[in-house]
Amino acid sequence: MPLILGANSLAGGYQVKNSTRFASGDSLTRTVTASSATSYTVSFWLKLSDQTYSSTPYIFSIGSTAGNGIYLDSADRKIYFFKQSTSSFLNLYNGVLRDPSAWYHIVWSVSSGTGTGYINGITGNSHSSIPALNDNTGTKISIHDYVGGGYNNVGCYLSEYYFIDGQALTPSSFGETDEDSGIWKPKAYTGTYGTNGFYLQFKNSASLGTDSSGNGNNFTVNNLTSVDQSTDTPTNNFTTLNPLLYSTLITYTEGNLKFTNTSSGQRMVASSIAPTTGKWYAECRVTSLGGNYPQVGVLDTSIYTMDTYVGALARGYGYASHGQVYNNAGALTTGLATYTTNDIIGVALDLDNNYVYFSKNGTFINSGVPTSGSSGTGGWAITDGYDYSFGSSSLDSGTDPVFDWNFGSPFYSANSYTDGAGYGNFSYA
């Protein structure tokens, strides 16, 4: 199925500004007006963070102490509708949701009791005898939770969340195919909402449950805070850490932006998107240093196993905490600035001129000048012609190392600096 891939991949047309980053225990809830409507539409964009989850995490549910809803199945990684009255599990679409770098558009459209699922504009499965909105005297809608409780959550990003009361709409009301790329992308909804309808843009960081439909159907916010608002969206897809590369004894949290090594061995993580050209910048905050000289840098993941360190191989360049830059298991430069807990390491990657630069708390080490172009002043030359991911590595020596990555949409408060092209929210310019 066509997916939304690549940072800033859709520059023209309708632009989505925000999403919300959901973790375990985060949800939105509101009481609804009683309705016997047998037609409605749920539409949202989903980017998965968790690659392992238990039970049946719900993305949408309606009811009181029990109810109906849309959930992900932990066994086959497909999306389902749970029909509470008959305990039926109805598959919306046969495709598997497993790409941590992709945004998926999910639509569940119910027309007079017949429901049809869609993913990225493609028609899935249809099911009959879908209950009305007030089935089981439903009084509450929950986002990212089951109304009756008792189920785990899944880490994910949600964006452009619509509920249309009284109408069965197709995905074309909310999205369209990009004429240049062929990718399914969001578009502005121009219709009506009905009594219980709502539109969550997540644009108000102080109240992420604010309804933008005009109905005033605002949600109560549970556990979410302003830093959970993200600019990672279906039209501006930011890279995160890639949990598919290595998961043993590594914990990925905060939308795959926080990396914790709980093992006694060397472990490494890398970004989900690896650019081949252009100029790129990211920051890594050292929350807990751990031991054995952790490294932050760039690497070609195609030649790596992830149980080593960033600068171990020929196409890996790692800035180590004891003030050395490593490549191919040797120190290229020594005597540089050391770093420790709470320091922020910047990585500037110039793939047009093939240099990498490192900074500590806003000051580039080795008198680096990332804008120096072909001269590469203070940078380290990297091998041309390969895809490079941002990454970090560490060893647990009694204290779990923790690294917080910022690719432009951080889960912590930064200083609102942008990169050289005017993108992102970084701690340093």
Protein backbone atom coordinates (compact mmCIF):
# COMPACT_ATOMS: atom_id res chain seq x y z
CA MET A 1 0.00 0.00 0.00
CA PRO A 2 1.30 3.55 -0.60
CA LEU A 3 2.74 5.09 2.53
CA ILE A 4 3.84 8.51 3.68
CA LEU A 5 7.63 8.22 3.87
CA GLY A 6 10.56 10.61 4.10
CA ALA A 7 11.12 13.79 6.06
CA ASN A 8 9.30 16.80 4.61
CA SER A 9 8.14 14.54 1.78
CA LEU A 10 5.07 16.56 0.80
CA ALA A 11 5.98 20.21 0.51
CA GLY A 12 2.97 21.54 -1.41
CA GLY A 13 -0.78 21.68 -0.85
CA TYR A 14 -2.54 21.08 2.46
CA GLN A 15 -0.10 21.01 5.37
CA VAL A 16 -0.79 19.28 8.69
CA LYS A 17 0.97 21.12 11.50
CA ASN A 18 0.59 18.87 14.54
CA SER A 19 0.13 15.41 15.95
CA THR A 20 0.10 14.10 19.51
CA ARG A 21 2.59 11.56 20.83
CA PHE A 22 0.74 8.95 22.91
CA ALA A 23 2.33 6.55 25.40
CA SER A 24 0.95 4.04 27.89
CA GLY A 25 -1.65 5.67 30.14
CA ASP A 26 -2.29 8.61 27.80
CA SER A 27 -5.83 9.14 26.53
CA LEU A 28 -8.58 11.59 25.67
CA THR A 29 -12.18 11.11 26.86
CA ARG A 30 -15.50 12.91 26.60
CA THR A 31 -19.18 12.30 27.32
CA VAL A 32 -21.36 12.13 24.21
CA THR A 33 -24.97 13.02 23.50
CA ALA A 34 -27.28 10.02 23.23
CA SER A 35 -27.77 9.02 19.60
CA SER A 36 -29.38 6.23 17.61
CA ALA A 37 -27.38 7.05 14.48
CA THR A 38 -26.49 3.97 12.44
CA SER A 39 -24.15 5.91 10.16
CA TYR A 40 -20.88 7.53 11.19
CA THR A 41 -17.23 7.85 10.15
CA VAL A 42 -13.98 7.67 12.10
CA SER A 43 -10.86 8.95 10.32
CA PHE A 44 -7.35 9.40 11.71
CA TRP A 45 -3.67 9.18 10.78
CA LEU A 46 -1.49 6.80 12.80
CA LYS A 47 2.28 6.38 13.10
CA LEU A 48 3.28 3.45 15.29
CA SER A 49 6.08 3.70 17.84
CA ASP A 50 5.76 0.42 19.73
CA GLN A 51 6.71 -2.70 17.81
CA THR A 52 5.80 -5.01 20.66
CA TYR A 53 2.58 -4.59 22.59
CA SER A 54 0.26 -6.88 24.47
CA SER A 55 -3.48 -7.37 24.61
CA THR A 56 -5.58 -5.26 22.23
CA PRO A 57 -4.66 -1.57 22.40
CA TYR A 58 -7.56 0.65 21.35
CA ILE A 59 -7.27 3.76 19.20
CA PHE A 60 -11.00 4.58 19.38
CA SER A 61 -13.84 3.28 21.56
CA ILE A 62 -17.37 4.27 22.50
CA GLY A 63 -19.55 2.95 25.33
CA SER A 64 -19.84 3.08 29.11
CA THR A 65 -18.31 0.25 31.15
CA ALA A 66 -18.03 -1.71 27.90
CA GLY A 67 -18.29 -0.72 24.28
CA ASN A 68 -17.27 -0.97 20.65
CA GLY A 69 -14.04 0.25 19.18
CA ILE A 70 -11.07 0.15 16.83
CA TYR A 71 -7.93 -1.62 18.02
CA LEU A 72 -4.64 -3.16 16.91
CA ASP A 73 -4.14 -6.89 17.31
CA SER A 74 -0.87 -7.81 19.04
CA ALA A 75 -0.66 -11.19 17.28
CA ASP A 76 -1.10 -10.37 13.60
CA ARG A 77 -0.52 -6.57 13.76
CA LYS A 78 -3.71 -5.84 11.82
CA ILE A 79 -6.46 -3.39 12.70
CA TYR A 80 -9.90 -4.54 13.90
CA PHE A 81 -13.30 -3.33 15.05
CA PHE A 82 -14.58 -4.92 18.27
CA LYS A 83 -18.35 -5.47 18.32
CA GLN A 84 -19.12 -5.74 22.02
CA SER A 85 -22.68 -7.13 21.83
CA THR A 86 -21.52 -10.35 20.13
CA SER A 87 -17.84 -10.25 21.19
CA SER A 88 -16.93 -10.20 17.49
CA PHE A 89 -13.50 -9.15 16.21
CA LEU A 90 -13.90 -7.72 12.70
CA ASN A 91 -10.83 -7.18 10.53
CA LEU A 92 -10.89 -3.78 8.83
CA TYR A 93 -8.06 -4.45 6.38
CA ASN A 94 -5.85 -7.45 5.58
CA GLY A 95 -2.61 -5.46 5.47
CA VAL A 96 -0.16 -5.50 8.39
CA LEU A 97 0.80 -2.27 10.20
CA ARG A 98 4.48 -2.59 11.07
CA ASP A 99 6.49 0.22 9.48
CA PRO A 100 7.69 2.59 12.26
CA SER A 101 8.61 5.31 9.74
CA ALA A 102 5.22 5.42 7.98
CA TRP A 103 1.99 7.28 8.55
CA TYR A 104 -1.16 5.21 7.95
CA HIS A 105 -4.57 6.75 7.21
CA ILE A 106 -7.30 4.68 8.87
CA VAL A 107 -10.99 5.14 8.02
CA TRP A 108 -13.93 3.20 9.48
CA SER A 109 -17.13 4.17 7.68
CA VAL A 110 -20.51 2.82 8.86
CA SER A 111 -23.55 3.18 6.58
CA SER A 112 -26.88 2.09 8.09
CA GLY A 113 -25.19 -0.65 10.05
CA THR A 114 -22.66 -1.81 7.43
CA GLY A 115 -19.07 -0.87 8.21
CA THR A 116 -16.15 -0.69 5.76
CA GLY A 117 -12.48 -0.25 6.60
CA TYR A 118 -9.89 1.61 4.55
CA ILE A 119 -6.13 2.15 4.84
CA ASN A 120 -4.38 4.86 2.80
CA GLY A 121 -7.40 5.24 0.56
CA ILE A 122 -7.63 1.54 -0.31
CA THR A 123 -10.88 -0.30 0.42
CA GLY A 124 -10.61 -3.11 2.95
CA ASN A 125 -13.25 -5.37 4.46
CA SER A 126 -16.97 -4.75 5.05
CA HIS A 127 -19.08 -6.08 7.93
CA SER A 128 -22.83 -6.04 8.59
CA SER A 129 -24.90 -5.46 11.74
CA ILE A 130 -22.60 -2.79 13.17
CA PRO A 131 -24.40 -1.27 16.19
CA ALA A 132 -25.66 2.28 16.47
CA LEU A 133 -23.64 4.84 18.39
CA ASN A 134 -25.62 4.36 21.61
CA ASP A 135 -25.36 0.55 21.57
CA ASN A 136 -24.95 -0.64 25.18
CA THR A 137 -26.08 2.81 26.34
CA GLY A 138 -22.78 4.29 25.27
CA THR A 139 -22.02 7.53 27.05
CA LYS A 140 -18.32 8.11 26.43
CA ILE A 141 -15.80 8.25 23.61
CA SER A 142 -12.18 7.38 24.37
CA ILE A 143 -9.17 8.07 22.17
CA HIS A 144 -6.19 5.76 22.71
CA ASP A 145 -8.02 3.72 25.35
CA TYR A 146 -10.94 1.33 25.86
CA VAL A 147 -13.94 2.88 27.58
CA GLY A 148 -14.19 -0.03 30.00
CA GLY A 149 -10.48 -0.11 30.81
CA GLY A 150 -8.44 -3.26 31.25
CA TYR A 151 -6.45 -3.03 28.02
CA ASN A 152 -2.91 -1.88 27.35
CA ASN A 153 -2.04 1.11 25.19
CA VAL A 154 0.27 1.26 22.19
CA GLY A 155 2.88 3.96 21.74
CA CYS A 156 1.97 5.97 18.65
CA TYR A 157 1.46 9.35 17.04
CA LEU A 158 -2.08 10.39 16.10
CA SER A 159 -2.97 13.23 13.74
CA GLU A 160 -5.99 14.68 11.89
CA TYR A 161 -8.51 12.82 14.07
CA TYR A 162 -12.12 13.13 12.81
CA PHE A 163 -15.44 11.75 13.98
CA ILE A 164 -18.42 12.45 11.70
CA ASP A 165 -21.81 11.74 13.29
CA GLY A 166 -24.63 10.70 10.94
CA GLN A 167 -22.66 10.29 7.70
CA ALA A 168 -20.81 7.37 6.12
CA LEU A 169 -17.91 8.96 4.22
CA THR A 170 -15.12 7.51 2.10
CA PRO A 171 -11.42 8.34 2.50
CA SER A 172 -11.67 10.88 -0.34
CA SER A 173 -13.34 13.26 2.13
CA PHE A 174 -10.11 13.39 4.13
CA GLY A 175 -7.30 12.49 1.72
CA GLU A 176 -6.16 12.30 -1.89
CA THR A 177 -3.38 10.88 -4.05
CA ASP A 178 -0.45 13.23 -4.61
CA GLU A 179 -0.19 13.77 -8.36
CA ASP A 180 3.62 13.84 -8.35
CA SER A 181 4.54 11.00 -5.98
CA GLY A 182 1.44 8.82 -6.04
CA ILE A 183 1.44 8.89 -2.24
CA TRP A 184 -1.83 9.10 -0.30
CA LYS A 185 -1.88 12.41 1.60
CA PRO A 186 -4.27 14.41 3.81
CA LYS A 187 -6.57 17.10 2.53
CA ALA A 188 -8.87 19.54 4.31
CA TYR A 189 -12.31 18.21 5.24
CA THR A 190 -15.03 20.64 4.17
CA GLY A 191 -18.22 18.88 5.29
CA THR A 192 -20.39 18.97 8.40
CA TYR A 193 -19.85 17.01 11.61
CA GLY A 194 -23.19 16.15 13.20
CA THR A 195 -24.08 16.41 16.89
CA ASN A 196 -21.27 14.28 18.32
CA GLY A 197 -18.76 15.05 15.57
CA PHE A 198 -15.32 16.44 16.32
CA TYR A 199 -11.98 17.29 14.73
CA LEU A 200 -8.78 17.01 16.77
CA GLN A 201 -6.00 19.06 15.19
CA PHE A 202 -3.86 18.91 18.34
CA LYS A 203 -2.86 22.51 17.69
CA ASN A 204 -3.41 23.74 21.27
CA SER A 205 -0.50 22.34 23.29
CA ALA A 206 -2.08 23.54 26.53
CA SER A 207 -5.23 21.52 25.82
CA LEU A 208 -4.62 18.73 23.33
CA GLY A 209 -8.26 17.63 23.46
CA THR A 210 -9.60 20.85 21.92
CA ASP A 211 -12.22 20.26 19.22
CA SER A 212 -11.66 22.30 16.03
CA SER A 213 -14.97 21.36 14.36
CA GLY A 214 -16.91 24.28 15.80
CA ASN A 215 -19.10 21.92 17.87
CA GLY A 216 -17.16 22.49 21.06
CA ASN A 217 -16.91 18.74 21.68
CA ASN A 218 -13.71 19.06 23.67
CA PHE A 219 -12.02 16.10 25.35
CA THR A 220 -10.65 15.63 28.85
CA VAL A 221 -6.89 15.13 28.67
CA ASN A 222 -5.42 12.24 30.66
CA ASN A 223 -1.65 12.29 31.35
CA LEU A 224 -0.74 14.20 28.19
CA THR A 225 1.21 17.45 28.54
CA SER A 226 2.29 20.21 26.18
CA VAL A 227 5.54 18.42 25.23
CA ASP A 228 3.45 15.57 23.80
CA GLN A 229 2.40 17.87 20.99
CA SER A 230 4.53 17.02 17.95
CA THR A 231 5.25 18.49 14.52
CA ASP A 232 5.81 14.98 13.14
CA THR A 233 2.81 14.74 10.81
CA PRO A 234 1.60 12.98 7.65
CA THR A 235 2.84 15.91 5.54
CA ASN A 236 6.08 16.48 7.47
CA ASN A 237 7.32 13.07 8.51
CA PHE A 238 10.26 13.24 10.91
CA THR A 239 12.70 10.41 11.42
CA THR A 240 12.75 8.61 14.78
CA LEU A 241 14.92 5.81 16.12
CA ASN A 242 14.28 2.57 14.24
CA PRO A 243 13.12 -0.17 16.66
CA LEU A 244 13.34 -2.80 13.92
CA LEU A 245 17.14 -2.68 13.83
CA TYR A 246 17.68 -3.92 17.37
CA SER A 247 15.32 -4.55 20.24
CA THR A 248 17.00 -7.02 22.62
CA LEU A 249 17.51 -5.37 26.01
CA ILE A 250 16.82 -1.95 24.55
CA THR A 251 13.86 0.17 25.58
CA TYR A 252 12.43 2.65 23.09
CA THR A 253 10.05 5.24 24.55
CA GLU A 254 8.71 8.74 23.88
CA GLY A 255 7.71 8.00 20.30
CA ASN A 256 10.99 6.18 19.58
CA LEU A 257 13.06 9.21 20.55
CA LYS A 258 14.41 7.93 23.90
CA PHE A 259 16.89 5.04 23.99
CA THR A 260 17.67 3.14 27.21
CA ASN A 261 20.21 0.31 27.25
CA THR A 262 19.33 -2.18 29.98
CA SER A 263 21.92 -4.81 29.01
CA SER A 264 25.52 -5.29 30.10
CA GLY A 265 26.59 -5.44 26.45
CA GLN A 266 27.24 -2.81 23.83
CA ARG A 267 24.05 -1.69 22.10
CA MET A 268 23.42 0.82 19.32
CA VAL A 269 20.41 2.56 17.81
CA ALA A 270 19.99 4.40 14.51
CA SER A 271 17.45 6.68 12.85
CA SER A 272 14.62 5.25 10.76
CA ILE A 273 15.37 7.45 7.75
CA ALA A 274 18.88 7.52 6.23
CA PRO A 275 19.45 10.42 3.81
CA THR A 276 21.72 10.14 0.77
CA THR A 277 22.11 13.81 -0.15
CA GLY A 278 21.65 17.22 1.42
CA LYS A 279 22.51 18.80 4.76
CA TRP A 280 21.00 17.43 7.98
CA TYR A 281 21.13 18.20 11.69
CA ALA A 282 20.07 16.36 14.85
CA GLU A 283 20.74 16.58 18.59
CA CYS A 284 21.23 13.91 21.23
CA ARG A 285 20.78 14.72 24.92
CA VAL A 286 22.78 12.53 27.31
CA THR A 287 20.32 11.86 30.12
CA SER A 288 22.41 9.08 31.69
CA LEU A 289 25.96 8.44 30.51
CA GLY A 290 26.35 4.79 31.46
CA GLY A 291 29.86 3.49 30.86
CA ASN A 292 32.63 2.55 28.42
CA TYR A 293 32.65 5.80 26.48
CA PRO A 294 29.32 6.06 24.67
CA GLN A 295 29.34 7.49 21.15
CA VAL A 296 27.05 9.73 19.12
CA GLY A 297 27.37 10.07 15.35
CA VAL A 298 26.42 8.71 11.94
CA LEU A 299 26.69 5.26 10.36
CA ASP A 300 25.72 3.15 7.37
CA THR A 301 23.48 0.56 9.01
CA SER A 302 23.75 -1.83 6.05
CA ILE A 303 27.18 -3.02 7.22
CA TYR A 304 26.49 -3.06 10.97
CA THR A 305 25.15 -5.41 13.55
CA MET A 306 23.68 -3.30 16.30
CA ASP A 307 25.67 -4.84 19.18
CA THR A 308 28.73 -2.68 18.62
CA TYR A 309 29.57 1.05 18.71
CA VAL A 310 29.04 3.82 16.17
CA GLY A 311 32.67 4.25 15.09
CA ALA A 312 33.47 0.54 14.89
CA LEU A 313 33.40 0.10 11.10
CA ALA A 314 34.58 1.87 7.96
CA ARG A 315 31.35 3.79 7.42
CA GLY A 316 30.70 4.84 11.00
CA TYR A 317 31.83 8.07 12.68
CA GLY A 318 31.29 8.41 16.42
CA TYR A 319 32.04 11.21 18.88
CA ALA A 320 32.94 9.51 22.17
CA SER A 321 32.35 10.96 25.63
CA HIS A 322 36.08 10.97 26.47
CA GLY A 323 36.80 13.45 23.66
CA GLN A 324 37.74 11.33 20.66
CA VAL A 325 36.15 10.78 17.24
CA TYR A 326 36.23 7.16 16.08
CA ASN A 327 36.07 5.54 12.65
CA ASN A 328 36.82 1.94 11.67
CA ALA A 329 37.63 1.08 15.32
CA GLY A 330 40.37 3.71 15.54
CA ALA A 331 40.57 7.26 16.88
CA LEU A 332 40.71 9.84 14.08
CA THR A 333 41.13 12.75 16.49
CA THR A 334 41.92 12.91 20.22
CA GLY A 335 41.98 15.67 22.82
CA LEU A 336 38.55 17.05 21.98
CA ALA A 337 35.93 18.29 24.44
CA THR A 338 34.57 15.56 26.70
CA TYR A 339 30.87 15.27 27.52
CA THR A 340 28.77 13.86 30.32
CA THR A 341 25.23 13.69 31.72
CA ASN A 342 22.88 16.48 30.56
CA ASP A 343 25.14 17.61 27.72
CA ILE A 344 23.58 17.94 24.28
CA ILE A 345 25.57 16.67 21.31
CA GLY A 346 24.79 18.13 17.91
CA VAL A 347 25.50 16.22 14.70
CA ALA A 348 25.64 18.15 11.41
CA LEU A 349 25.79 15.88 8.37
CA ASP A 350 26.77 17.41 5.01
CA LEU A 351 26.15 14.77 2.34
CA ASP A 352 26.68 17.24 -0.50
CA ASN A 353 30.33 17.68 0.49
CA ASN A 354 30.70 14.48 2.57
CA TYR A 355 31.65 15.78 6.00
CA VAL A 356 30.27 15.30 9.48
CA TYR A 357 30.59 17.84 12.32
CA PHE A 358 29.96 17.51 16.05
CA SER A 359 29.03 20.09 18.67
CA LYS A 360 28.75 20.09 22.45
CA ASN A 361 26.09 22.37 23.93
CA GLY A 362 26.02 24.56 20.84
CA THR A 363 29.78 24.86 20.25
CA PHE A 364 31.26 22.84 17.40
CA ILE A 365 34.32 20.86 18.45
CA ASN A 366 37.56 20.90 16.45
CA SER A 367 36.67 24.48 15.41
CA GLY A 368 34.12 23.00 13.06
CA VAL A 369 32.27 25.15 10.54
CA PRO A 370 29.37 23.14 9.06
CA THR A 371 28.73 25.87 6.48
CA SER A 372 32.29 25.66 5.10
CA GLY A 373 31.21 23.49 2.19
CA SER A 374 33.89 21.64 0.22
CA SER A 375 36.70 22.77 2.55
CA GLY A 376 35.16 20.82 5.44
CA THR A 377 36.67 23.10 8.08
CA GLY A 378 36.84 21.23 11.38
CA GLY A 379 34.79 18.34 10.03
CA TRP A 380 35.56 14.68 9.39
CA ALA A 381 35.45 13.35 5.84
CA ILE A 382 33.00 10.50 5.32
CA THR A 383 32.88 7.91 2.55
CA ASP A 384 30.84 9.12 -0.41
CA GLY A 385 27.89 7.30 -1.98
CA TYR A 386 26.19 5.69 1.03
CA ASP A 387 23.08 6.21 3.15
CA TYR A 388 23.91 7.49 6.64
CA SER A 389 21.69 7.26 9.71
CA PHE A 390 22.12 9.20 12.93
CA GLY A 391 22.92 6.90 15.84
CA SER A 392 24.29 6.41 19.32
CA SER A 393 25.84 3.51 21.22
CA SER A 394 26.47 2.70 24.86
CA LEU A 395 27.36 0.04 27.39
CA ASP A 396 25.59 -0.50 30.71
CA SER A 397 28.21 -0.61 33.45
CA GLY A 398 25.87 -0.58 36.43
CA THR A 399 23.88 2.48 35.38
CA ASP A 400 21.52 2.27 32.39
CA PRO A 401 22.64 4.68 29.65
CA VAL A 402 19.81 6.91 28.41
CA PHE A 403 19.96 9.06 25.28
CA ASP A 404 17.22 11.44 24.11
CA TRP A 405 17.22 12.17 20.39
CA ASN A 406 15.82 15.30 18.78
CA PHE A 407 15.36 15.17 15.02
CA GLY A 408 13.43 18.43 15.01
CA SER A 409 10.31 17.46 16.97
CA PRO A 410 11.54 16.76 20.53
CA PHE A 411 9.60 15.19 23.39
CA TYR A 412 11.29 17.59 25.81
CA SER A 413 11.36 21.38 25.95
CA ALA A 414 13.98 22.75 23.56
CA ASN A 415 14.92 26.36 22.83
CA SER A 416 12.95 26.79 19.59
CA TYR A 417 16.01 27.19 17.40
CA THR A 418 15.66 25.96 13.81
CA ASP A 419 18.28 24.37 11.60
CA GLY A 420 19.95 26.23 8.73
CA ALA A 421 16.94 25.67 6.47
CA GLY A 422 14.47 26.96 9.06
CA TYR A 423 13.13 23.56 10.13
CA GLY A 424 12.71 21.94 13.52
CA ASN A 425 12.84 22.84 17.19
CA PHE A 426 16.35 22.47 18.59
CA SER A 427 18.22 23.46 21.73
CA TYR A 428 21.00 25.14 19.76
CA ALA A 429 21.22 26.98 16.44
